[in-house]
Amino acid sequence: MEQTFEEKMDALNDIVAKLESGKLTLDENLKAYEEGMKLYRELSSILKEKEGVVRKIIEESGEEVPFSPGEDE
């Protein structure tokens, strides 16, 4: 079963905590970093998709879109 967005965020936060702990070996650090980057890309993709949905809802309501893509990047 596919993880939810929240589960992926929790997993990414766990990875960050492990990396920051300084207790992993070099190989463990590399593996954790790789998994973290994979989760980061998945989460970014989900957020961009959801932003599009919100944008469409706002535009269909006749309101002005309060944000633009890449605004925080």
C-alpha atoms as a PDB file:
ATOM      1  CA  MET A   1       0.000   0.000   0.000  1.00  0.00           C
ATOM      2  CA  GLU A   2       1.225   3.478  -0.904  1.00  0.00           C
ATOM      3  CA  GLN A   3       2.287   5.688   1.994  1.00  0.00           C
ATOM      4  CA  THR A   4       0.294   8.828   2.645  1.00  0.00           C
ATOM      5  CA  PHE A   5       1.887  12.251   2.365  1.00  0.00           C
ATOM      6  CA  GLU A   6       2.028  12.469   6.151  1.00  0.00           C
ATOM      7  CA  GLU A   7       3.704   9.061   6.451  1.00  0.00           C
ATOM      8  CA  LYS A   8       6.307  10.107   3.900  1.00  0.00           C
ATOM      9  CA  MET A   9       6.931  13.341   5.816  1.00  0.00           C
ATOM     10  CA  ASP A  10       7.385  11.364   9.042  1.00  0.00           C
ATOM     11  CA  ALA A  11       9.817   9.021   7.289  1.00  0.00           C
ATOM     12  CA  LEU A  12      11.786  11.970   5.925  1.00  0.00           C
ATOM     13  CA  ASN A  13      11.908  13.587   9.370  1.00  0.00           C
ATOM     14  CA  ASP A  14      13.183  10.292  10.836  1.00  0.00           C
ATOM     15  CA  ILE A  15      15.921  10.155   8.212  1.00  0.00           C
ATOM     16  CA  VAL A  16      16.952  13.743   8.920  1.00  0.00           C
ATOM     17  CA  ALA A  17      17.145  12.972  12.656  1.00  0.00           C
ATOM     18  CA  LYS A  18      19.342   9.931  11.965  1.00  0.00           C
ATOM     19  CA  LEU A  19      21.635  11.945   9.719  1.00  0.00           C
ATOM     20  CA  GLU A  20      21.903  14.721  12.296  1.00  0.00           C
ATOM     21  CA  SER A  21      22.650  12.256  15.108  1.00  0.00           C
ATOM     22  CA  GLY A  22      26.138  11.581  13.775  1.00  0.00           C
ATOM     23  CA  LYS A  23      25.807   7.926  14.779  1.00  0.00           C
ATOM     24  CA  LEU A  24      25.602   6.385  11.314  1.00  0.00           C
ATOM     25  CA  THR A  25      28.504   4.926   9.386  1.00  0.00           C
ATOM     26  CA  LEU A  26      29.479   6.490   6.079  1.00  0.00           C
ATOM     27  CA  ASP A  27      27.604   3.802   4.151  1.00  0.00           C
ATOM     28  CA  GLU A  28      24.538   4.204   6.368  1.00  0.00           C
ATOM     29  CA  ASN A  29      24.696   7.971   5.874  1.00  0.00           C
ATOM     30  CA  LEU A  30      24.816   7.596   2.101  1.00  0.00           C
ATOM     31  CA  LYS A  31      21.930   5.141   2.074  1.00  0.00           C
ATOM     32  CA  ALA A  32      19.854   7.381   4.372  1.00  0.00           C
ATOM     33  CA  TYR A  33      20.661  10.453   2.257  1.00  0.00           C
ATOM     34  CA  GLU A  34      19.629   8.635  -0.910  1.00  0.00           C
ATOM     35  CA  GLU A  35      16.331   7.536   0.640  1.00  0.00           C
ATOM     36  CA  GLY A  36      15.756  11.043   1.990  1.00  0.00           C
ATOM     37  CA  MET A  37      16.275  12.593  -1.425  1.00  0.00           C
ATOM     38  CA  LYS A  38      13.851  10.083  -2.955  1.00  0.00           C
ATOM     39  CA  LEU A  39      11.214  11.023  -0.383  1.00  0.00           C
ATOM     40  CA  TYR A  40      11.929  14.735  -0.889  1.00  0.00           C
ATOM     41  CA  ARG A  41      11.326  14.424  -4.649  1.00  0.00           C
ATOM     42  CA  GLU A  42       8.098  12.465  -4.078  1.00  0.00           C
ATOM     43  CA  LEU A  43       6.836  15.001  -1.540  1.00  0.00           C
ATOM     44  CA  SER A  44       7.714  17.952  -3.792  1.00  0.00           C
ATOM     45  CA  SER A  45       5.815  16.336  -6.643  1.00  0.00           C
ATOM     46  CA  ILE A  46       2.762  15.757  -4.463  1.00  0.00           C
ATOM     47  CA  LEU A  47       2.814  19.371  -3.247  1.00  0.00           C
ATOM     48  CA  LYS A  48       3.067  20.735  -6.793  1.00  0.00           C
ATOM     49  CA  GLU A  49       0.144  18.560  -7.848  1.00  0.00           C
ATOM     50  CA  LYS A  50      -1.986  19.714  -4.898  1.00  0.00           C
ATOM     51  CA  GLU A  51      -1.052  23.340  -5.557  1.00  0.00           C
ATOM     52  CA  GLY A  52      -2.478  22.907  -9.053  1.00  0.00           C
ATOM     53  CA  VAL A  53      -5.722  21.556  -7.620  1.00  0.00           C
ATOM     54  CA  VAL A  54      -6.015  24.491  -5.205  1.00  0.00           C
ATOM     55  CA  ARG A  55      -5.199  26.944  -7.996  1.00  0.00           C
ATOM     56  CA  LYS A  56      -7.942  25.435 -10.180  1.00  0.00           C
ATOM     57  CA  ILE A  57     -10.512  25.622  -7.381  1.00  0.00           C
ATOM     58  CA  ILE A  58      -9.655  29.264  -6.699  1.00  0.00           C
ATOM     59  CA  GLU A  59      -9.753  30.206 -10.375  1.00  0.00           C
ATOM     60  CA  GLU A  60     -13.095  28.450 -10.872  1.00  0.00           C
ATOM     61  CA  SER A  61     -14.521  30.442  -7.967  1.00  0.00           C
ATOM     62  CA  GLY A  62     -13.550  33.668  -9.735  1.00  0.00           C
ATOM     63  CA  GLU A  63     -11.068  34.652  -7.053  1.00  0.00           C
ATOM     64  CA  GLU A  64      -7.542  35.832  -7.704  1.00  0.00           C
ATOM     65  CA  VAL A  65      -4.863  33.205  -7.137  1.00  0.00           C
ATOM     66  CA  PRO A  66      -2.927  34.347  -4.036  1.00  0.00           C
ATOM     67  CA  PHE A  67       0.340  32.655  -4.993  1.00  0.00           C
ATOM     68  CA  SER A  68       2.385  31.847  -8.041  1.00  0.00           C
ATOM     69  CA  PRO A  69       4.535  28.803  -8.879  1.00  0.00           C
ATOM     70  CA  GLY A  70       8.092  29.017  -7.658  1.00  0.00           C
ATOM     71  CA  GLU A  71       7.307  31.862  -5.302  1.00  0.00           C
ATOM     72  CA  ASP A  72       9.111  30.205  -2.384  1.00  0.00           C
ATOM     73  CA  GLU A  73      11.867  28.534  -4.400  1.00  0.00           C
END
